[in-house]
Amino acid sequence: MARPPVVSGKKLIQALIKVGFEVVHQKGSHVSLRGMTPDGMRRTVVPLHKELAKGTLSDIIRQTGLTKQDLIQLLGRN
């Protein structure tokens, strides 16, 4: 399985917005997003760090219903 890419919180938010997620609110350095997927409404929180930890990124990928490959393709379009 592909390793998750090294990505900043800002870049990840931009990628999630491309697939239909929207920023709901922000508290400090954490941004809450919401988006509709074929499985229903999904929510996640993205910290605005320069580099997200691999576990944090993996959890966000799981919470959004994307695959690592989907995310790599989205980040390639930035």
PDB file of N, CA and C in Angstrom:
ATOM      1  N   MET A   1       0.843  -1.176   0.000  1.00  0.00           N
ATOM      2  CA  MET A   1       0.000   0.000   0.000  1.00  0.00           C
ATOM      3  C   MET A   1       0.887   1.236   0.000  1.00  0.00           C
ATOM      4  N   ALA A   2       0.446   2.268  -0.675  1.00  0.00           N
ATOM      5  CA  ALA A   2       1.211   3.507  -0.782  1.00  0.00           C
ATOM      6  C   ALA A   2       1.277   4.215   0.566  1.00  0.00           C
ATOM      7  N   ARG A   3       2.416   4.837   0.814  1.00  0.00           N
ATOM      8  CA  ARG A   3       2.573   5.618   2.040  1.00  0.00           C
ATOM      9  C   ARG A   3       1.861   6.951   1.860  1.00  0.00           C
ATOM     10  N   PRO A   4       1.277   7.482   2.929  1.00  0.00           N
ATOM     11  CA  PRO A   4       0.653   8.794   2.792  1.00  0.00           C
ATOM     12  C   PRO A   4       1.715   9.861   2.534  1.00  0.00           C
ATOM     13  N   PRO A   5       1.424  10.843   1.709  1.00  0.00           N
ATOM     14  CA  PRO A   5       2.424  11.868   1.398  1.00  0.00           C
ATOM     15  C   PRO A   5       2.633  12.806   2.584  1.00  0.00           C
ATOM     16  N   VAL A   6       3.756  13.506   2.590  1.00  0.00           N
ATOM     17  CA  VAL A   6       4.004  14.546   3.579  1.00  0.00           C
ATOM     18  C   VAL A   6       3.290  15.790   3.074  1.00  0.00           C
ATOM     19  N   VAL A   7       2.411  16.338   3.901  1.00  0.00           N
ATOM     20  CA  VAL A   7       1.578  17.450   3.453  1.00  0.00           C
ATOM     21  C   VAL A   7       1.300  18.378   4.627  1.00  0.00           C
ATOM     22  N   SER A   8       1.107  19.654   4.324  1.00  0.00           N
ATOM     23  CA  SER A   8       0.753  20.624   5.357  1.00  0.00           C
ATOM     24  C   SER A   8      -0.764  20.634   5.532  1.00  0.00           C
ATOM     25  N   GLY A   9      -1.208  21.159   6.649  1.00  0.00           N
ATOM     26  CA  GLY A   9      -2.638  21.255   6.897  1.00  0.00           C
ATOM     27  C   GLY A   9      -3.338  22.128   5.861  1.00  0.00           C
ATOM     28  N   LYS A  10      -2.698  23.217   5.476  1.00  0.00           N
ATOM     29  CA  LYS A  10      -3.282  24.138   4.492  1.00  0.00           C
ATOM     30  C   LYS A  10      -3.486  23.451   3.144  1.00  0.00           C
ATOM     31  N   LYS A  11      -2.473  22.704   2.689  1.00  0.00           N
ATOM     32  CA  LYS A  11      -2.579  21.993   1.403  1.00  0.00           C
ATOM     33  C   LYS A  11      -3.658  20.911   1.463  1.00  0.00           C
ATOM     34  N   LEU A  12      -3.753  20.235   2.601  1.00  0.00           N
ATOM     35  CA  LEU A  12      -4.774  19.200   2.754  1.00  0.00           C
ATOM     36  C   LEU A  12      -6.170  19.801   2.696  1.00  0.00           C
ATOM     37  N   ILE A  13      -6.359  20.938   3.332  1.00  0.00           N
ATOM     38  CA  ILE A  13      -7.667  21.611   3.293  1.00  0.00           C
ATOM     39  C   ILE A  13      -8.017  21.996   1.861  1.00  0.00           C
ATOM     40  N   GLN A  14      -7.051  22.527   1.116  1.00  0.00           N
ATOM     41  CA  GLN A  14      -7.293  22.888  -0.281  1.00  0.00           C
ATOM     42  C   GLN A  14      -7.710  21.670  -1.096  1.00  0.00           C
ATOM     43  N   ALA A  15      -7.072  20.527  -0.851  1.00  0.00           N
ATOM     44  CA  ALA A  15      -7.405  19.298  -1.575  1.00  0.00           C
ATOM     45  C   ALA A  15      -8.811  18.823  -1.208  1.00  0.00           C
ATOM     46  N   LEU A  16      -9.170  18.897   0.071  1.00  0.00           N
ATOM     47  CA  LEU A  16     -10.503  18.455   0.499  1.00  0.00           C
ATOM     48  C   LEU A  16     -11.600  19.358  -0.061  1.00  0.00           C
ATOM     49  N   ILE A  17     -11.317  20.638  -0.181  1.00  0.00           N
ATOM     50  CA  ILE A  17     -12.297  21.560  -0.772  1.00  0.00           C
ATOM     51  C   ILE A  17     -12.557  21.190  -2.231  1.00  0.00           C
ATOM     52  N   LYS A  18     -11.528  20.724  -2.943  1.00  0.00           N
ATOM     53  CA  LYS A  18     -11.688  20.315  -4.343  1.00  0.00           C
ATOM     54  C   LYS A  18     -12.666  19.159  -4.508  1.00  0.00           C
ATOM     55  N   VAL A  19     -12.785  18.299  -3.483  1.00  0.00           N
ATOM     56  CA  VAL A  19     -13.697  17.156  -3.592  1.00  0.00           C
ATOM     57  C   VAL A  19     -15.020  17.414  -2.895  1.00  0.00           C
ATOM     58  N   GLY A  20     -15.295  18.676  -2.556  1.00  0.00           N
ATOM     59  CA  GLY A  20     -16.617  19.022  -2.054  1.00  0.00           C
ATOM     60  C   GLY A  20     -16.735  19.278  -0.567  1.00  0.00           C
ATOM     61  N   PHE A  21     -15.651  19.206   0.169  1.00  0.00           N
ATOM     62  CA  PHE A  21     -15.718  19.544   1.593  1.00  0.00           C
ATOM     63  C   PHE A  21     -15.752  21.045   1.738  1.00  0.00           C
ATOM     64  N   GLU A  22     -16.356  21.523   2.822  1.00  0.00           N
ATOM     65  CA  GLU A  22     -16.406  22.953   3.086  1.00  0.00           C
ATOM     66  C   GLU A  22     -15.957  23.214   4.517  1.00  0.00           C
ATOM     67  N   VAL A  23     -15.339  24.360   4.710  1.00  0.00           N
ATOM     68  CA  VAL A  23     -14.885  24.747   6.041  1.00  0.00           C
ATOM     69  C   VAL A  23     -16.115  25.158   6.851  1.00  0.00           C
ATOM     70  N   VAL A  24     -16.289  24.521   8.011  1.00  0.00           N
ATOM     71  CA  VAL A  24     -17.421  24.826   8.876  1.00  0.00           C
ATOM     72  C   VAL A  24     -17.027  25.899   9.885  1.00  0.00           C
ATOM     73  N   HIS A  25     -15.912  25.696  10.569  1.00  0.00           N
ATOM     74  CA  HIS A  25     -15.390  26.709  11.475  1.00  0.00           C
ATOM     75  C   HIS A  25     -13.945  26.403  11.831  1.00  0.00           C
ATOM     76  N   GLN A  26     -13.329  27.372  12.507  1.00  0.00           N
ATOM     77  CA  GLN A  26     -11.949  27.220  12.929  1.00  0.00           C
ATOM     78  C   GLN A  26     -11.835  27.677  14.366  1.00  0.00           C
ATOM     79  N   LYS A  27     -11.115  26.905  15.149  1.00  0.00           N
ATOM     80  CA  LYS A  27     -10.830  27.292  16.533  1.00  0.00           C
ATOM     81  C   LYS A  27      -9.331  27.144  16.735  1.00  0.00           C
ATOM     82  N   GLY A  28      -8.659  28.269  16.834  1.00  0.00           N
ATOM     83  CA  GLY A  28      -7.204  28.242  16.955  1.00  0.00           C
ATOM     84  C   GLY A  28      -6.577  27.728  15.676  1.00  0.00           C
ATOM     85  N   SER A  29      -5.763  26.700  15.812  1.00  0.00           N
ATOM     86  CA  SER A  29      -5.068  26.176  14.635  1.00  0.00           C
ATOM     87  C   SER A  29      -5.744  24.924  14.077  1.00  0.00           C
ATOM     88  N   HIS A  30      -6.990  24.690  14.432  1.00  0.00           N
ATOM     89  CA  HIS A  30      -7.710  23.510  13.943  1.00  0.00           C
ATOM     90  C   HIS A  30      -8.936  23.943  13.142  1.00  0.00           C
ATOM     91  N   VAL A  31      -9.042  23.394  11.934  1.00  0.00           N
ATOM     92  CA  VAL A  31     -10.131  23.746  11.020  1.00  0.00           C
ATOM     93  C   VAL A  31     -11.065  22.549  10.884  1.00  0.00           C
ATOM     94  N   SER A  32     -12.347  22.777  11.088  1.00  0.00           N
ATOM     95  CA  SER A  32     -13.357  21.731  10.967  1.00  0.00           C
ATOM     96  C   SER A  32     -13.970  21.798   9.572  1.00  0.00           C
ATOM     97  N   LEU A  33     -14.034  20.643   8.907  1.00  0.00           N
ATOM     98  CA  LEU A  33     -14.602  20.567   7.564  1.00  0.00           C
ATOM     99  C   LEU A  33     -15.735  19.560   7.531  1.00  0.00           C
ATOM    100  N   ARG A  34     -16.652  19.767   6.595  1.00  0.00           N
ATOM    101  CA  ARG A  34     -17.797  18.877   6.416  1.00  0.00           C
ATOM    102  C   ARG A  34     -18.000  18.679   4.925  1.00  0.00           C
ATOM    103  N   GLY A  35     -18.350  17.441   4.553  1.00  0.00           N
ATOM    104  CA  GLY A  35     -18.590  17.163   3.143  1.00  0.00           C
ATOM    105  C   GLY A  35     -19.493  15.965   2.947  1.00  0.00           C
ATOM    106  N   MET A  36     -20.192  15.955   1.831  1.00  0.00           N
ATOM    107  CA  MET A  36     -21.103  14.869   1.500  1.00  0.00           C
ATOM    108  C   MET A  36     -20.359  13.863   0.628  1.00  0.00           C
ATOM    109  N   THR A  37     -20.448  12.600   0.996  1.00  0.00           N
ATOM    110  CA  THR A  37     -19.845  11.510   0.229  1.00  0.00           C
ATOM    111  C   THR A  37     -20.956  10.525  -0.105  1.00  0.00           C
ATOM    112  N   PRO A  38     -20.687   9.535  -0.948  1.00  0.00           N
ATOM    113  CA  PRO A  38     -21.713   8.535  -1.233  1.00  0.00           C
ATOM    114  C   PRO A  38     -22.187   7.801   0.029  1.00  0.00           C
ATOM    115  N   ASP A  39     -21.345   7.758   1.064  1.00  0.00           N
ATOM    116  CA  ASP A  39     -21.715   7.102   2.319  1.00  0.00           C
ATOM    117  C   ASP A  39     -22.493   8.010   3.255  1.00  0.00           C
ATOM    118  N   GLY A  40     -22.650   9.270   2.905  1.00  0.00           N
ATOM    119  CA  GLY A  40     -23.355  10.225   3.760  1.00  0.00           C
ATOM    120  C   GLY A  40     -22.455  11.389   4.139  1.00  0.00           C
ATOM    121  N   MET A  41     -22.890  12.152   5.129  1.00  0.00           N
ATOM    122  CA  MET A  41     -22.153  13.329   5.573  1.00  0.00           C
ATOM    123  C   MET A  41     -20.921  12.897   6.367  1.00  0.00           C
ATOM    124  N   ARG A  42     -19.785  13.499   6.064  1.00  0.00           N
ATOM    125  CA  ARG A  42     -18.531  13.203   6.752  1.00  0.00           C
ATOM    126  C   ARG A  42     -17.983  14.491   7.353  1.00  0.00           C
ATOM    127  N   ARG A  43     -17.370  14.385   8.519  1.00  0.00           N
ATOM    128  CA  ARG A  43     -16.735  15.523   9.188  1.00  0.00           C
ATOM    129  C   ARG A  43     -15.315  15.146   9.572  1.00  0.00           C
ATOM    130  N   THR A  44     -14.449  16.138   9.581  1.00  0.00           N
ATOM    131  CA  THR A  44     -13.078  15.924  10.038  1.00  0.00           C
ATOM    132  C   THR A  44     -12.506  17.245  10.523  1.00  0.00           C
ATOM    133  N   VAL A  45     -11.435  17.160  11.272  1.00  0.00           N
ATOM    134  CA  VAL A  45     -10.725  18.336  11.767  1.00  0.00           C
ATOM    135  C   VAL A  45      -9.285  18.245  11.283  1.00  0.00           C
ATOM    136  N   VAL A  46      -8.795  19.333  10.685  1.00  0.00           N
ATOM    137  CA  VAL A  46      -7.431  19.369  10.153  1.00  0.00           C
ATOM    138  C   VAL A  46      -6.637  20.418  10.922  1.00  0.00           C
ATOM    139  N   PRO A  47      -5.528  20.011  11.553  1.00  0.00           N
ATOM    140  CA  PRO A  47      -4.668  21.000  12.213  1.00  0.00           C
ATOM    141  C   PRO A  47      -3.838  21.750  11.177  1.00  0.00           C
ATOM    142  N   LEU A  48      -3.626  23.022  11.399  1.00  0.00           N
ATOM    143  CA  LEU A  48      -2.859  23.840  10.454  1.00  0.00           C
ATOM    144  C   LEU A  48      -1.368  23.769  10.767  1.00  0.00           C
ATOM    145  N   HIS A  49      -0.817  22.572  10.737  1.00  0.00           N
ATOM    146  CA  HIS A  49       0.607  22.382  10.965  1.00  0.00           C
ATOM    147  C   HIS A  49       1.361  22.440   9.645  1.00  0.00           C
ATOM    148  N   LYS A  50       2.652  22.748   9.711  1.00  0.00           N
ATOM    149  CA  LYS A  50       3.469  22.781   8.492  1.00  0.00           C
ATOM    150  C   LYS A  50       3.606  21.395   7.889  1.00  0.00           C
ATOM    151  N   GLU A  51       3.635  20.378   8.756  1.00  0.00           N
ATOM    152  CA  GLU A  51       3.729  18.996   8.295  1.00  0.00           C
ATOM    153  C   GLU A  51       2.870  18.133   9.216  1.00  0.00           C
ATOM    154  N   LEU A  52       1.862  17.463   8.638  1.00  0.00           N
ATOM    155  CA  LEU A  52       0.985  16.616   9.438  1.00  0.00           C
ATOM    156  C   LEU A  52       1.668  15.291   9.748  1.00  0.00           C
ATOM    157  N   ALA A  53       1.482  14.814  10.963  1.00  0.00           N
ATOM    158  CA  ALA A  53       2.010  13.513  11.349  1.00  0.00           C
ATOM    159  C   ALA A  53       1.316  12.439  10.517  1.00  0.00           C
ATOM    160  N   LYS A  54       2.026  11.347  10.228  1.00  0.00           N
ATOM    161  CA  LYS A  54       1.456  10.324   9.353  1.00  0.00           C
ATOM    162  C   LYS A  54       0.201   9.691   9.956  1.00  0.00           C
ATOM    163  N   GLY A  55       0.140   9.542  11.273  1.00  0.00           N
ATOM    164  CA  GLY A  55      -1.054   8.987  11.909  1.00  0.00           C
ATOM    165  C   GLY A  55      -2.240   9.924  11.798  1.00  0.00           C
ATOM    166  N   THR A  56      -1.979  11.215  11.970  1.00  0.00           N
ATOM    167  CA  THR A  56      -3.030  12.230  11.840  1.00  0.00           C
ATOM    168  C   THR A  56      -3.567  12.230  10.416  1.00  0.00           C
ATOM    169  N   LEU A  57      -2.667  12.210   9.445  1.00  0.00           N
ATOM    170  CA  LEU A  57      -3.073  12.202   8.040  1.00  0.00           C
ATOM    171  C   LEU A  57      -3.868  10.944   7.703  1.00  0.00           C
ATOM    172  N   SER A  58      -3.437   9.809   8.200  1.00  0.00           N
ATOM    173  CA  SER A  58      -4.156   8.553   7.950  1.00  0.00           C
ATOM    174  C   SER A  58      -5.561   8.602   8.532  1.00  0.00           C
ATOM    175  N   ASP A  59      -5.710   9.170   9.731  1.00  0.00           N
ATOM    176  CA  ASP A  59      -7.037   9.291  10.343  1.00  0.00           C
ATOM    177  C   ASP A  59      -7.938  10.219   9.533  1.00  0.00           C
ATOM    178  N   ILE A  60      -7.383  11.330   9.047  1.00  0.00           N
ATOM    179  CA  ILE A  60      -8.177  12.271   8.253  1.00  0.00           C
ATOM    180  C   ILE A  60      -8.611  11.604   6.945  1.00  0.00           C
ATOM    181  N   ILE A  61      -7.722  10.849   6.321  1.00  0.00           N
ATOM    182  CA  ILE A  61      -8.072  10.135   5.088  1.00  0.00           C
ATOM    183  C   ILE A  61      -9.223   9.170   5.353  1.00  0.00           C
ATOM    184  N   ARG A  62      -9.139   8.439   6.459  1.00  0.00           N
ATOM    185  CA  ARG A  62     -10.188   7.478   6.824  1.00  0.00           C
ATOM    186  C   ARG A  62     -11.507   8.207   7.108  1.00  0.00           C
ATOM    187  N   GLN A  63     -11.445   9.312   7.833  1.00  0.00           N
ATOM    188  CA  GLN A  63     -12.648  10.057   8.199  1.00  0.00           C
ATOM    189  C   GLN A  63     -13.353  10.662   6.991  1.00  0.00           C
ATOM    190  N   THR A  64     -12.606  11.018   5.958  1.00  0.00           N
ATOM    191  CA  THR A  64     -13.199  11.645   4.783  1.00  0.00           C
ATOM    192  C   THR A  64     -13.680  10.635   3.747  1.00  0.00           C
ATOM    193  N   GLY A  65     -13.321   9.362   3.923  1.00  0.00           N
ATOM    194  CA  GLY A  65     -13.749   8.342   2.972  1.00  0.00           C
ATOM    195  C   GLY A  65     -12.899   8.283   1.717  1.00  0.00           C
ATOM    196  N   LEU A  66     -11.795   9.011   1.694  1.00  0.00           N
ATOM    197  CA  LEU A  66     -10.893   8.970   0.545  1.00  0.00           C
ATOM    198  C   LEU A  66      -9.909   7.819   0.705  1.00  0.00           C
ATOM    199  N   THR A  67      -9.192   7.527  -0.357  1.00  0.00           N
ATOM    200  CA  THR A  67      -8.090   6.578  -0.273  1.00  0.00           C
ATOM    201  C   THR A  67      -6.792   7.369  -0.352  1.00  0.00           C
ATOM    202  N   LYS A  68      -5.693   6.731  -0.015  1.00  0.00           N
ATOM    203  CA  LYS A  68      -4.398   7.394  -0.120  1.00  0.00           C
ATOM    204  C   LYS A  68      -4.115   7.777  -1.568  1.00  0.00           C
ATOM    205  N   GLN A  69      -4.523   6.904  -2.497  1.00  0.00           N
ATOM    206  CA  GLN A  69      -4.318   7.198  -3.926  1.00  0.00           C
ATOM    207  C   GLN A  69      -5.118   8.433  -4.352  1.00  0.00           C
ATOM    208  N   ASP A  70      -6.366   8.543  -3.858  1.00  0.00           N
ATOM    209  CA  ASP A  70      -7.185   9.725  -4.165  1.00  0.00           C
ATOM    210  C   ASP A  70      -6.477  10.990  -3.697  1.00  0.00           C
ATOM    211  N   LEU A  71      -5.952  10.946  -2.483  1.00  0.00           N
ATOM    212  CA  LEU A  71      -5.293  12.118  -1.921  1.00  0.00           C
ATOM    213  C   LEU A  71      -4.035  12.478  -2.707  1.00  0.00           C
ATOM    214  N   ILE A  72      -3.266  11.484  -3.092  1.00  0.00           N
ATOM    215  CA  ILE A  72      -2.051  11.745  -3.876  1.00  0.00           C
ATOM    216  C   ILE A  72      -2.408  12.418  -5.197  1.00  0.00           C
ATOM    217  N   GLN A  73      -3.490  11.958  -5.835  1.00  0.00           N
ATOM    218  CA  GLN A  73      -3.922  12.577  -7.099  1.00  0.00           C
ATOM    219  C   GLN A  73      -4.390  14.003  -6.865  1.00  0.00           C
ATOM    220  N   LEU A  74      -5.145  14.247  -5.794  1.00  0.00           N
ATOM    221  CA  LEU A  74      -5.610  15.601  -5.493  1.00  0.00           C
ATOM    222  C   LEU A  74      -4.455  16.550  -5.224  1.00  0.00           C
ATOM    223  N   LEU A  75      -3.466  16.092  -4.474  1.00  0.00           N
ATOM    224  CA  LEU A  75      -2.323  16.933  -4.153  1.00  0.00           C
ATOM    225  C   LEU A  75      -1.467  17.195  -5.381  1.00  0.00           C
ATOM    226  N   GLY A  76      -1.475  16.284  -6.336  1.00  0.00           N
ATOM    227  CA  GLY A  76      -0.726  16.470  -7.572  1.00  0.00           C
ATOM    228  C   GLY A  76      -1.302  17.580  -8.435  1.00  0.00           C
ATOM    229  N   ARG A  77      -2.596  17.869  -8.239  1.00  0.00           N
ATOM    230  CA  ARG A  77      -3.264  18.910  -9.028  1.00  0.00           C
ATOM    231  C   ARG A  77      -3.094  20.294  -8.413  1.00  0.00           C
ATOM    232  N   ASN A  78      -2.504  20.415  -7.233  1.00  0.00           N
ATOM    233  CA  ASN A  78      -2.343  21.730  -6.575  1.00  0.00           C
ATOM    234  C   ASN A  78      -1.370  22.604  -7.323  1.00  0.00           C
TER     235      ASN A  78
END
